[in-house]
Amino acid sequence: MDTSIIADVLEILVFAVMALLSISCALFVVTAKDIVRSALSLIVVMFVVAGLYILLNAQFLGVIQVLVYVGAIGVLIMFAVMLTKKDFGSDKDAE
């Protein structure tokens, strides 16, 4: 077999795996009951989208995706979640 055919098949396979990972993590963002896990899953989605950009020869967009969305927005969401997290379901008021 020609090496270019193997490279093309491998590229399509990597793209499919990354796309499925992105879709599954995005669904987990919406359906997760724990907001911390949802935020971490959103960060994974942003990393995978950056990888897809790089795979599609848009390296600049991939780097910007990591710097802006994963680096800034993801950390901002995590800090907001951690600082505003309250204990639900505890019986502190009942005692």
PDB file of N, CA and C in Angstrom:
ATOM      1  N   MET A   1       0.833  -1.189   0.000  1.00  0.00           N
ATOM      2  CA  MET A   1       0.000   0.000   0.000  1.00  0.00           C
ATOM      3  C   MET A   1       0.870   1.243   0.000  1.00  0.00           C
ATOM      4  N   ASP A   2       0.317   2.252  -0.566  1.00  0.00           N
ATOM      5  CA  ASP A   2       1.023   3.522  -0.643  1.00  0.00           C
ATOM      6  C   ASP A   2       0.954   4.223   0.721  1.00  0.00           C
ATOM      7  N   THR A   3       2.029   4.894   1.092  1.00  0.00           N
ATOM      8  CA  THR A   3       2.074   5.545   2.409  1.00  0.00           C
ATOM      9  C   THR A   3       1.111   6.725   2.495  1.00  0.00           C
ATOM     10  N   SER A   4       0.803   7.366   1.367  1.00  0.00           N
ATOM     11  CA  SER A   4      -0.138   8.485   1.411  1.00  0.00           C
ATOM     12  C   SER A   4      -1.555   7.994   1.708  1.00  0.00           C
ATOM     13  N   ILE A   5      -1.889   6.802   1.247  1.00  0.00           N
ATOM     14  CA  ILE A   5      -3.206   6.237   1.537  1.00  0.00           C
ATOM     15  C   ILE A   5      -3.314   5.912   3.027  1.00  0.00           C
ATOM     16  N   ILE A   6      -2.257   5.351   3.586  1.00  0.00           N
ATOM     17  CA  ILE A   6      -2.249   5.035   5.017  1.00  0.00           C
ATOM     18  C   ILE A   6      -2.356   6.316   5.841  1.00  0.00           C
ATOM     19  N   ALA A   7      -1.653   7.360   5.420  1.00  0.00           N
ATOM     20  CA  ALA A   7      -1.705   8.634   6.136  1.00  0.00           C
ATOM     21  C   ALA A   7      -3.100   9.245   6.061  1.00  0.00           C
ATOM     22  N   ASP A   8      -3.745   9.145   4.897  1.00  0.00           N
ATOM     23  CA  ASP A   8      -5.098   9.683   4.756  1.00  0.00           C
ATOM     24  C   ASP A   8      -6.098   8.926   5.622  1.00  0.00           C
ATOM     25  N   VAL A   9      -5.986   7.611   5.640  1.00  0.00           N
ATOM     26  CA  VAL A   9      -6.887   6.803   6.465  1.00  0.00           C
ATOM     27  C   VAL A   9      -6.657   7.096   7.945  1.00  0.00           C
ATOM     28  N   LEU A  10      -5.409   7.229   8.345  1.00  0.00           N
ATOM     29  CA  LEU A  10      -5.092   7.540   9.738  1.00  0.00           C
ATOM     30  C   LEU A  10      -5.623   8.920  10.129  1.00  0.00           C
ATOM     31  N   GLU A  11      -5.510   9.880   9.220  1.00  0.00           N
ATOM     32  CA  GLU A  11      -6.015  11.221   9.500  1.00  0.00           C
ATOM     33  C   GLU A  11      -7.536  11.214   9.665  1.00  0.00           C
ATOM     34  N   ILE A  12      -8.226  10.472   8.826  1.00  0.00           N
ATOM     35  CA  ILE A  12      -9.682  10.367   8.942  1.00  0.00           C
ATOM     36  C   ILE A  12     -10.068   9.662  10.240  1.00  0.00           C
ATOM     37  N   LEU A  13      -9.316   8.642  10.602  1.00  0.00           N
ATOM     38  CA  LEU A  13      -9.591   7.916  11.841  1.00  0.00           C
ATOM     39  C   LEU A  13      -9.387   8.808  13.066  1.00  0.00           C
ATOM     40  N   VAL A  14      -8.311   9.572  13.082  1.00  0.00           N
ATOM     41  CA  VAL A  14      -8.047  10.490  14.201  1.00  0.00           C
ATOM     42  C   VAL A  14      -9.130  11.564  14.266  1.00  0.00           C
ATOM     43  N   PHE A  15      -9.534  12.074  13.105  1.00  0.00           N
ATOM     44  CA  PHE A  15     -10.602  13.075  13.069  1.00  0.00           C
ATOM     45  C   PHE A  15     -11.904  12.505  13.632  1.00  0.00           C
ATOM     46  N   ALA A  16     -12.243  11.281  13.243  1.00  0.00           N
ATOM     47  CA  ALA A  16     -13.480  10.658  13.720  1.00  0.00           C
ATOM     48  C   ALA A  16     -13.444  10.430  15.228  1.00  0.00           C
ATOM     49  N   VAL A  17     -12.315   9.971  15.740  1.00  0.00           N
ATOM     50  CA  VAL A  17     -12.195   9.744  17.186  1.00  0.00           C
ATOM     51  C   VAL A  17     -12.308  11.063  17.947  1.00  0.00           C
ATOM     52  N   MET A  18     -11.651  12.102  17.451  1.00  0.00           N
ATOM     53  CA  MET A  18     -11.713  13.395  18.128  1.00  0.00           C
ATOM     54  C   MET A  18     -13.114  13.994  18.049  1.00  0.00           C
ATOM     55  N   ALA A  19     -13.783  13.820  16.921  1.00  0.00           N
ATOM     56  CA  ALA A  19     -15.142  14.341  16.787  1.00  0.00           C
ATOM     57  C   ALA A  19     -16.099  13.612  17.729  1.00  0.00           C
ATOM     58  N   LEU A  20     -15.971  12.297  17.821  1.00  0.00           N
ATOM     59  CA  LEU A  20     -16.823  11.536  18.742  1.00  0.00           C
ATOM     60  C   LEU A  20     -16.544  11.898  20.198  1.00  0.00           C
ATOM     61  N   LEU A  21     -15.277  12.103  20.533  1.00  0.00           N
ATOM     62  CA  LEU A  21     -14.928  12.517  21.888  1.00  0.00           C
ATOM     63  C   LEU A  21     -15.512  13.893  22.202  1.00  0.00           C
ATOM     64  N   SER A  22     -15.447  14.790  21.237  1.00  0.00           N
ATOM     65  CA  SER A  22     -15.999  16.125  21.430  1.00  0.00           C
ATOM     66  C   SER A  22     -17.508  16.081  21.633  1.00  0.00           C
ATOM     67  N   ILE A  23     -18.194  15.292  20.826  1.00  0.00           N
ATOM     68  CA  ILE A  23     -19.649  15.195  20.949  1.00  0.00           C
ATOM     69  C   ILE A  23     -20.042  14.545  22.268  1.00  0.00           C
ATOM     70  N   SER A  24     -19.339  13.487  22.647  1.00  0.00           N
ATOM     71  CA  SER A  24     -19.695  12.806  23.897  1.00  0.00           C
ATOM     72  C   SER A  24     -19.428  13.683  25.118  1.00  0.00           C
ATOM     73  N   CYS A  25     -18.321  14.406  25.117  1.00  0.00           N
ATOM     74  CA  CYS A  25     -18.039  15.303  26.245  1.00  0.00           C
ATOM     75  C   CYS A  25     -19.008  16.487  26.264  1.00  0.00           C
ATOM     76  N   ALA A  26     -19.411  16.964  25.091  1.00  0.00           N
ATOM     77  CA  ALA A  26     -20.392  18.052  25.042  1.00  0.00           C
ATOM     78  C   ALA A  26     -21.742  17.593  25.577  1.00  0.00           C
ATOM     79  N   LEU A  27     -22.117  16.366  25.279  1.00  0.00           N
ATOM     80  CA  LEU A  27     -23.354  15.826  25.846  1.00  0.00           C
ATOM     81  C   LEU A  27     -23.242  15.673  27.359  1.00  0.00           C
ATOM     82  N   PHE A  28     -22.059  15.310  27.832  1.00  0.00           N
ATOM     83  CA  PHE A  28     -21.847  15.192  29.273  1.00  0.00           C
ATOM     84  C   PHE A  28     -21.922  16.555  29.954  1.00  0.00           C
ATOM     85  N   VAL A  29     -21.492  17.612  29.256  1.00  0.00           N
ATOM     86  CA  VAL A  29     -21.595  18.964  29.813  1.00  0.00           C
ATOM     87  C   VAL A  29     -23.056  19.297  30.097  1.00  0.00           C
ATOM     88  N   VAL A  30     -23.925  18.923  29.184  1.00  0.00           N
ATOM     89  CA  VAL A  30     -25.337  19.265  29.319  1.00  0.00           C
ATOM     90  C   VAL A  30     -26.048  18.372  30.332  1.00  0.00           C
ATOM     91  N   THR A  31     -25.670  17.105  30.389  1.00  0.00           N
ATOM     92  CA  THR A  31     -26.425  16.155  31.207  1.00  0.00           C
ATOM     93  C   THR A  31     -25.835  15.899  32.590  1.00  0.00           C
ATOM     94  N   ALA A  32     -24.645  16.381  32.874  1.00  0.00           N
ATOM     95  CA  ALA A  32     -24.010  16.102  34.166  1.00  0.00           C
ATOM     96  C   ALA A  32     -24.742  16.821  35.292  1.00  0.00           C
ATOM     97  N   LYS A  33     -24.890  16.132  36.409  1.00  0.00           N
ATOM     98  CA  LYS A  33     -25.548  16.730  37.567  1.00  0.00           C
ATOM     99  C   LYS A  33     -24.565  17.528  38.422  1.00  0.00           C
ATOM    100  N   ASP A  34     -23.311  17.140  38.430  1.00  0.00           N
ATOM    101  CA  ASP A  34     -22.287  17.853  39.186  1.00  0.00           C
ATOM    102  C   ASP A  34     -21.684  18.934  38.294  1.00  0.00           C
ATOM    103  N   ILE A  35     -21.739  20.164  38.755  1.00  0.00           N
ATOM    104  CA  ILE A  35     -21.305  21.276  37.917  1.00  0.00           C
ATOM    105  C   ILE A  35     -19.789  21.310  37.739  1.00  0.00           C
ATOM    106  N   VAL A  36     -19.042  20.776  38.688  1.00  0.00           N
ATOM    107  CA  VAL A  36     -17.584  20.737  38.549  1.00  0.00           C
ATOM    108  C   VAL A  36     -17.193  19.775  37.429  1.00  0.00           C
ATOM    109  N   ARG A  37     -17.818  18.610  37.403  1.00  0.00           N
ATOM    110  CA  ARG A  37     -17.538  17.661  36.319  1.00  0.00           C
ATOM    111  C   ARG A  37     -17.991  18.212  34.979  1.00  0.00           C
ATOM    112  N   SER A  38     -19.077  18.949  34.976  1.00  0.00           N
ATOM    113  CA  SER A  38     -19.548  19.571  33.747  1.00  0.00           C
ATOM    114  C   SER A  38     -18.543  20.603  33.236  1.00  0.00           C
ATOM    115  N   ALA A  39     -17.986  21.394  34.131  1.00  0.00           N
ATOM    116  CA  ALA A  39     -16.995  22.398  33.733  1.00  0.00           C
ATOM    117  C   ALA A  39     -15.712  21.738  33.236  1.00  0.00           C
ATOM    118  N   LEU A  40     -15.284  20.670  33.896  1.00  0.00           N
ATOM    119  CA  LEU A  40     -14.092  19.952  33.433  1.00  0.00           C
ATOM    120  C   LEU A  40     -14.329  19.314  32.070  1.00  0.00           C
ATOM    121  N   SER A  41     -15.528  18.819  31.847  1.00  0.00           N
ATOM    122  CA  SER A  41     -15.857  18.243  30.550  1.00  0.00           C
ATOM    123  C   SER A  41     -15.878  19.325  29.470  1.00  0.00           C
ATOM    124  N   LEU A  42     -16.315  20.522  29.827  1.00  0.00           N
ATOM    125  CA  LEU A  42     -16.288  21.631  28.874  1.00  0.00           C
ATOM    126  C   LEU A  42     -14.855  21.985  28.489  1.00  0.00           C
ATOM    127  N   ILE A  43     -13.946  21.925  29.439  1.00  0.00           N
ATOM    128  CA  ILE A  43     -12.534  22.177  29.139  1.00  0.00           C
ATOM    129  C   ILE A  43     -11.988  21.108  28.200  1.00  0.00           C
ATOM    130  N   VAL A  44     -12.394  19.853  28.403  1.00  0.00           N
ATOM    131  CA  VAL A  44     -11.970  18.775  27.497  1.00  0.00           C
ATOM    132  C   VAL A  44     -12.502  19.029  26.093  1.00  0.00           C
ATOM    133  N   VAL A  45     -13.760  19.475  25.994  1.00  0.00           N
ATOM    134  CA  VAL A  45     -14.335  19.789  24.680  1.00  0.00           C
ATOM    135  C   VAL A  45     -13.518  20.873  23.995  1.00  0.00           C
ATOM    136  N   MET A  46     -13.122  21.884  24.746  1.00  0.00           N
ATOM    137  CA  MET A  46     -12.340  22.970  24.153  1.00  0.00           C
ATOM    138  C   MET A  46     -10.969  22.488  23.687  1.00  0.00           C
ATOM    139  N   PHE A  47     -10.335  21.590  24.450  1.00  0.00           N
ATOM    140  CA  PHE A  47      -9.065  21.009  24.016  1.00  0.00           C
ATOM    141  C   PHE A  47      -9.235  20.197  22.737  1.00  0.00           C
ATOM    142  N   VAL A  48     -10.295  19.409  22.664  1.00  0.00           N
ATOM    143  CA  VAL A  48     -10.512  18.569  21.483  1.00  0.00           C
ATOM    144  C   VAL A  48     -10.803  19.433  20.261  1.00  0.00           C
ATOM    145  N   VAL A  49     -11.562  20.501  20.441  1.00  0.00           N
ATOM    146  CA  VAL A  49     -11.826  21.407  19.322  1.00  0.00           C
ATOM    147  C   VAL A  49     -10.528  22.056  18.853  1.00  0.00           C
ATOM    148  N   ALA A  50      -9.649  22.391  19.773  1.00  0.00           N
ATOM    149  CA  ALA A  50      -8.337  22.924  19.385  1.00  0.00           C
ATOM    150  C   ALA A  50      -7.549  21.883  18.597  1.00  0.00           C
ATOM    151  N   GLY A  51      -7.620  20.628  19.021  1.00  0.00           N
ATOM    152  CA  GLY A  51      -6.967  19.559  18.272  1.00  0.00           C
ATOM    153  C   GLY A  51      -7.553  19.387  16.883  1.00  0.00           C
ATOM    154  N   LEU A  52      -8.866  19.548  16.761  1.00  0.00           N
ATOM    155  CA  LEU A  52      -9.497  19.469  15.438  1.00  0.00           C
ATOM    156  C   LEU A  52      -9.042  20.616  14.542  1.00  0.00           C
ATOM    157  N   TYR A  53      -8.912  21.805  15.114  1.00  0.00           N
ATOM    158  CA  TYR A  53      -8.390  22.927  14.335  1.00  0.00           C
ATOM    159  C   TYR A  53      -6.986  22.627  13.817  1.00  0.00           C
ATOM    160  N   ILE A  54      -6.152  22.091  14.677  1.00  0.00           N
ATOM    161  CA  ILE A  54      -4.779  21.775  14.273  1.00  0.00           C
ATOM    162  C   ILE A  54      -4.771  20.682  13.216  1.00  0.00           C
ATOM    163  N   LEU A  55      -5.652  19.706  13.368  1.00  0.00           N
ATOM    164  CA  LEU A  55      -5.753  18.631  12.385  1.00  0.00           C
ATOM    165  C   LEU A  55      -6.216  19.151  11.023  1.00  0.00           C
ATOM    166  N   LEU A  56      -7.006  20.208  11.027  1.00  0.00           N
ATOM    167  CA  LEU A  56      -7.509  20.788   9.781  1.00  0.00           C
ATOM    168  C   LEU A  56      -6.591  21.886   9.236  1.00  0.00           C
ATOM    169  N   ASN A  57      -5.342  21.906   9.687  1.00  0.00           N
ATOM    170  CA  ASN A  57      -4.318  22.862   9.236  1.00  0.00           C
ATOM    171  C   ASN A  57      -4.673  24.314   9.557  1.00  0.00           C
ATOM    172  N   ALA A  58      -5.325  24.527  10.671  1.00  0.00           N
ATOM    173  CA  ALA A  58      -5.584  25.872  11.166  1.00  0.00           C
ATOM    174  C   ALA A  58      -4.886  25.990  12.523  1.00  0.00           C
ATOM    175  N   GLN A  59      -3.558  25.959  12.481  1.00  0.00           N
ATOM    176  CA  GLN A  59      -2.772  25.919  13.708  1.00  0.00           C
ATOM    177  C   GLN A  59      -2.965  27.170  14.560  1.00  0.00           C
ATOM    178  N   PHE A  60      -3.088  28.316  13.917  1.00  0.00           N
ATOM    179  CA  PHE A  60      -3.269  29.557  14.668  1.00  0.00           C
ATOM    180  C   PHE A  60      -4.571  29.521  15.465  1.00  0.00           C
ATOM    181  N   LEU A  61      -5.639  29.052  14.839  1.00  0.00           N
ATOM    182  CA  LEU A  61      -6.909  28.942  15.555  1.00  0.00           C
ATOM    183  C   LEU A  61      -6.823  27.938  16.700  1.00  0.00           C
ATOM    184  N   GLY A  62      -6.080  26.868  16.496  1.00  0.00           N
ATOM    185  CA  GLY A  62      -5.899  25.888  17.562  1.00  0.00           C
ATOM    186  C   GLY A  62      -5.180  26.471  18.760  1.00  0.00           C
ATOM    187  N   VAL A  63      -4.139  27.238  18.501  1.00  0.00           N
ATOM    188  CA  VAL A  63      -3.388  27.868  19.594  1.00  0.00           C
ATOM    189  C   VAL A  63      -4.244  28.909  20.304  1.00  0.00           C
ATOM    190  N   ILE A  64      -4.979  29.705  19.540  1.00  0.00           N
ATOM    191  CA  ILE A  64      -5.866  30.703  20.144  1.00  0.00           C
ATOM    192  C   ILE A  64      -6.962  30.027  20.958  1.00  0.00           C
ATOM    193  N   GLN A  65      -7.477  28.912  20.464  1.00  0.00           N
ATOM    194  CA  GLN A  65      -8.498  28.151  21.202  1.00  0.00           C
ATOM    195  C   GLN A  65      -7.965  27.709  22.560  1.00  0.00           C
ATOM    196  N   VAL A  66      -6.747  27.211  22.577  1.00  0.00           N
ATOM    197  CA  VAL A  66      -6.165  26.766  23.849  1.00  0.00           C
ATOM    198  C   VAL A  66      -5.895  27.951  24.763  1.00  0.00           C
ATOM    199  N   LEU A  67      -5.322  29.010  24.224  1.00  0.00           N
ATOM    200  CA  LEU A  67      -4.973  30.154  25.066  1.00  0.00           C
ATOM    201  C   LEU A  67      -6.197  30.865  25.620  1.00  0.00           C
ATOM    202  N   VAL A  68      -7.169  31.146  24.755  1.00  0.00           N
ATOM    203  CA  VAL A  68      -8.313  31.951  25.179  1.00  0.00           C
ATOM    204  C   VAL A  68      -9.357  31.100  25.884  1.00  0.00           C
ATOM    205  N   TYR A  69      -9.823  30.061  25.225  1.00  0.00           N
ATOM    206  CA  TYR A  69     -10.953  29.323  25.787  1.00  0.00           C
ATOM    207  C   TYR A  69     -10.536  28.386  26.906  1.00  0.00           C
ATOM    208  N   VAL A  70      -9.525  27.587  26.683  1.00  0.00           N
ATOM    209  CA  VAL A  70      -9.113  26.652  27.733  1.00  0.00           C
ATOM    210  C   VAL A  70      -8.406  27.403  28.845  1.00  0.00           C
ATOM    211  N   GLY A  71      -7.490  28.275  28.468  1.00  0.00           N
ATOM    212  CA  GLY A  71      -6.694  28.970  29.468  1.00  0.00           C
ATOM    213  C   GLY A  71      -7.467  29.993  30.262  1.00  0.00           C
ATOM    214  N   ALA A  72      -8.252  30.806  29.592  1.00  0.00           N
ATOM    215  CA  ALA A  72      -8.921  31.905  30.283  1.00  0.00           C
ATOM    216  C   ALA A  72     -10.349  31.557  30.688  1.00  0.00           C
ATOM    217  N   ILE A  73     -11.161  31.196  29.730  1.00  0.00           N
ATOM    218  CA  ILE A  73     -12.569  30.952  30.016  1.00  0.00           C
ATOM    219  C   ILE A  73     -12.748  29.713  30.885  1.00  0.00           C
ATOM    220  N   GLY A  74     -12.011  28.650  30.585  1.00  0.00           N
ATOM    221  CA  GLY A  74     -12.127  27.428  31.387  1.00  0.00           C
ATOM    222  C   GLY A  74     -11.737  27.640  32.831  1.00  0.00           C
ATOM    223  N   VAL A  75     -10.640  28.342  33.055  1.00  0.00           N
ATOM    224  CA  VAL A  75     -10.197  28.620  34.425  1.00  0.00           C
ATOM    225  C   VAL A  75     -11.172  29.568  35.114  1.00  0.00           C
ATOM    226  N   LEU A  76     -11.702  30.542  34.387  1.00  0.00           N
ATOM    227  CA  LEU A  76     -12.685  31.456  34.958  1.00  0.00           C
ATOM    228  C   LEU A  76     -13.942  30.711  35.396  1.00  0.00           C
ATOM    229  N   ILE A  77     -14.412  29.791  34.566  1.00  0.00           N
ATOM    230  CA  ILE A  77     -15.589  28.997  34.926  1.00  0.00           C
ATOM    231  C   ILE A  77     -15.291  28.139  36.152  1.00  0.00           C
ATOM    232  N   MET A  78     -14.114  27.521  36.189  1.00  0.00           N
ATOM    233  CA  MET A  78     -13.778  26.678  37.340  1.00  0.00           C
ATOM    234  C   MET A  78     -13.709  27.498  38.634  1.00  0.00           C
ATOM    235  N   PHE A  79     -13.102  28.688  38.582  1.00  0.00           N
ATOM    236  CA  PHE A  79     -13.051  29.526  39.776  1.00  0.00           C
ATOM    237  C   PHE A  79     -14.445  29.974  40.192  1.00  0.00           C
ATOM    238  N   ALA A  80     -15.286  30.333  39.232  1.00  0.00           N
ATOM    239  CA  ALA A  80     -16.647  30.752  39.562  1.00  0.00           C
ATOM    240  C   ALA A  80     -17.428  29.615  40.201  1.00  0.00           C
ATOM    241  N   VAL A  81     -17.243  28.415  39.685  1.00  0.00           N
ATOM    242  CA  VAL A  81     -17.942  27.259  40.253  1.00  0.00           C
ATOM    243  C   VAL A  81     -17.429  26.966  41.654  1.00  0.00           C
ATOM    244  N   MET A  82     -16.124  26.998  41.836  1.00  0.00           N
ATOM    245  CA  MET A  82     -15.557  26.677  43.142  1.00  0.00           C
ATOM    246  C   MET A  82     -15.921  27.727  44.195  1.00  0.00           C
ATOM    247  N   LEU A  83     -15.968  28.990  43.799  1.00  0.00           N
ATOM    248  CA  LEU A  83     -16.251  30.040  44.772  1.00  0.00           C
ATOM    249  C   LEU A  83     -17.732  30.154  45.114  1.00  0.00           C
ATOM    250  N   THR A  84     -18.604  29.766  44.204  1.00  0.00           N
ATOM    251  CA  THR A  84     -20.038  29.902  44.453  1.00  0.00           C
ATOM    252  C   THR A  84     -20.703  28.594  44.821  1.00  0.00           C
ATOM    253  N   LYS A  85     -19.933  27.537  44.975  1.00  0.00           N
ATOM    254  CA  LYS A  85     -20.519  26.237  45.290  1.00  0.00           C
ATOM    255  C   LYS A  85     -21.051  26.243  46.716  1.00  0.00           C
ATOM    256  N   LYS A  86     -22.294  25.809  46.851  1.00  0.00           N
ATOM    257  CA  LYS A  86     -22.935  25.741  48.161  1.00  0.00           C
ATOM    258  C   LYS A  86     -23.276  24.296  48.460  1.00  0.00           C
ATOM    259  N   ASP A  87     -23.440  24.005  49.739  1.00  0.00           N
ATOM    260  CA  ASP A  87     -23.835  22.661  50.150  1.00  0.00           C
ATOM    261  C   ASP A  87     -25.349  22.549  50.068  1.00  0.00           C
ATOM    262  N   PHE A  88     -25.818  21.733  49.156  1.00  0.00           N
ATOM    263  CA  PHE A  88     -27.245  21.495  49.026  1.00  0.00           C
ATOM    264  C   PHE A  88     -27.585  20.173  49.684  1.00  0.00           C
ATOM    265  N   GLY A  89     -28.729  20.129  50.315  1.00  0.00           N
ATOM    266  CA  GLY A  89     -29.184  18.885  50.908  1.00  0.00           C
ATOM    267  C   GLY A  89     -28.688  18.641  52.316  1.00  0.00           C
ATOM    268  N   SER A  90     -27.920  19.545  52.873  1.00  0.00           N
ATOM    269  CA  SER A  90     -27.449  19.337  54.242  1.00  0.00           C
ATOM    270  C   SER A  90     -28.524  19.804  55.219  1.00  0.00           C
ATOM    271  N   ASP A  91     -28.531  19.207  56.371  1.00  0.00           N
ATOM    272  CA  ASP A  91     -29.539  19.505  57.384  1.00  0.00           C
ATOM    273  C   ASP A  91     -28.994  20.442  58.459  1.00  0.00           C
ATOM    274  N   LYS A  92     -28.227  21.425  58.082  1.00  0.00           N
ATOM    275  CA  LYS A  92     -27.667  22.354  59.062  1.00  0.00           C
ATOM    276  C   LYS A  92     -28.759  23.225  59.684  1.00  0.00           C
ATOM    277  N   ASP A  93     -29.742  23.626  58.877  1.00  0.00           N
ATOM    278  CA  ASP A  93     -30.814  24.472  59.394  1.00  0.00           C
ATOM    279  C   ASP A  93     -31.805  23.682  60.242  1.00  0.00           C
ATOM    280  N   ALA A  94     -31.894  22.384  60.022  1.00  0.00           N
ATOM    281  CA  ALA A  94     -32.860  21.555  60.740  1.00  0.00           C
ATOM    282  C   ALA A  94     -32.434  21.297  62.178  1.00  0.00           C
ATOM    283  N   GLU A  95     -31.157  21.414  62.476  1.00  0.00           N
ATOM    284  CA  GLU A  95     -30.669  21.119  63.830  1.00  0.00           C
ATOM    285  C   GLU A  95     -30.831  22.267  64.766  1.00  0.00           C
TER     286      GLU A  95
END
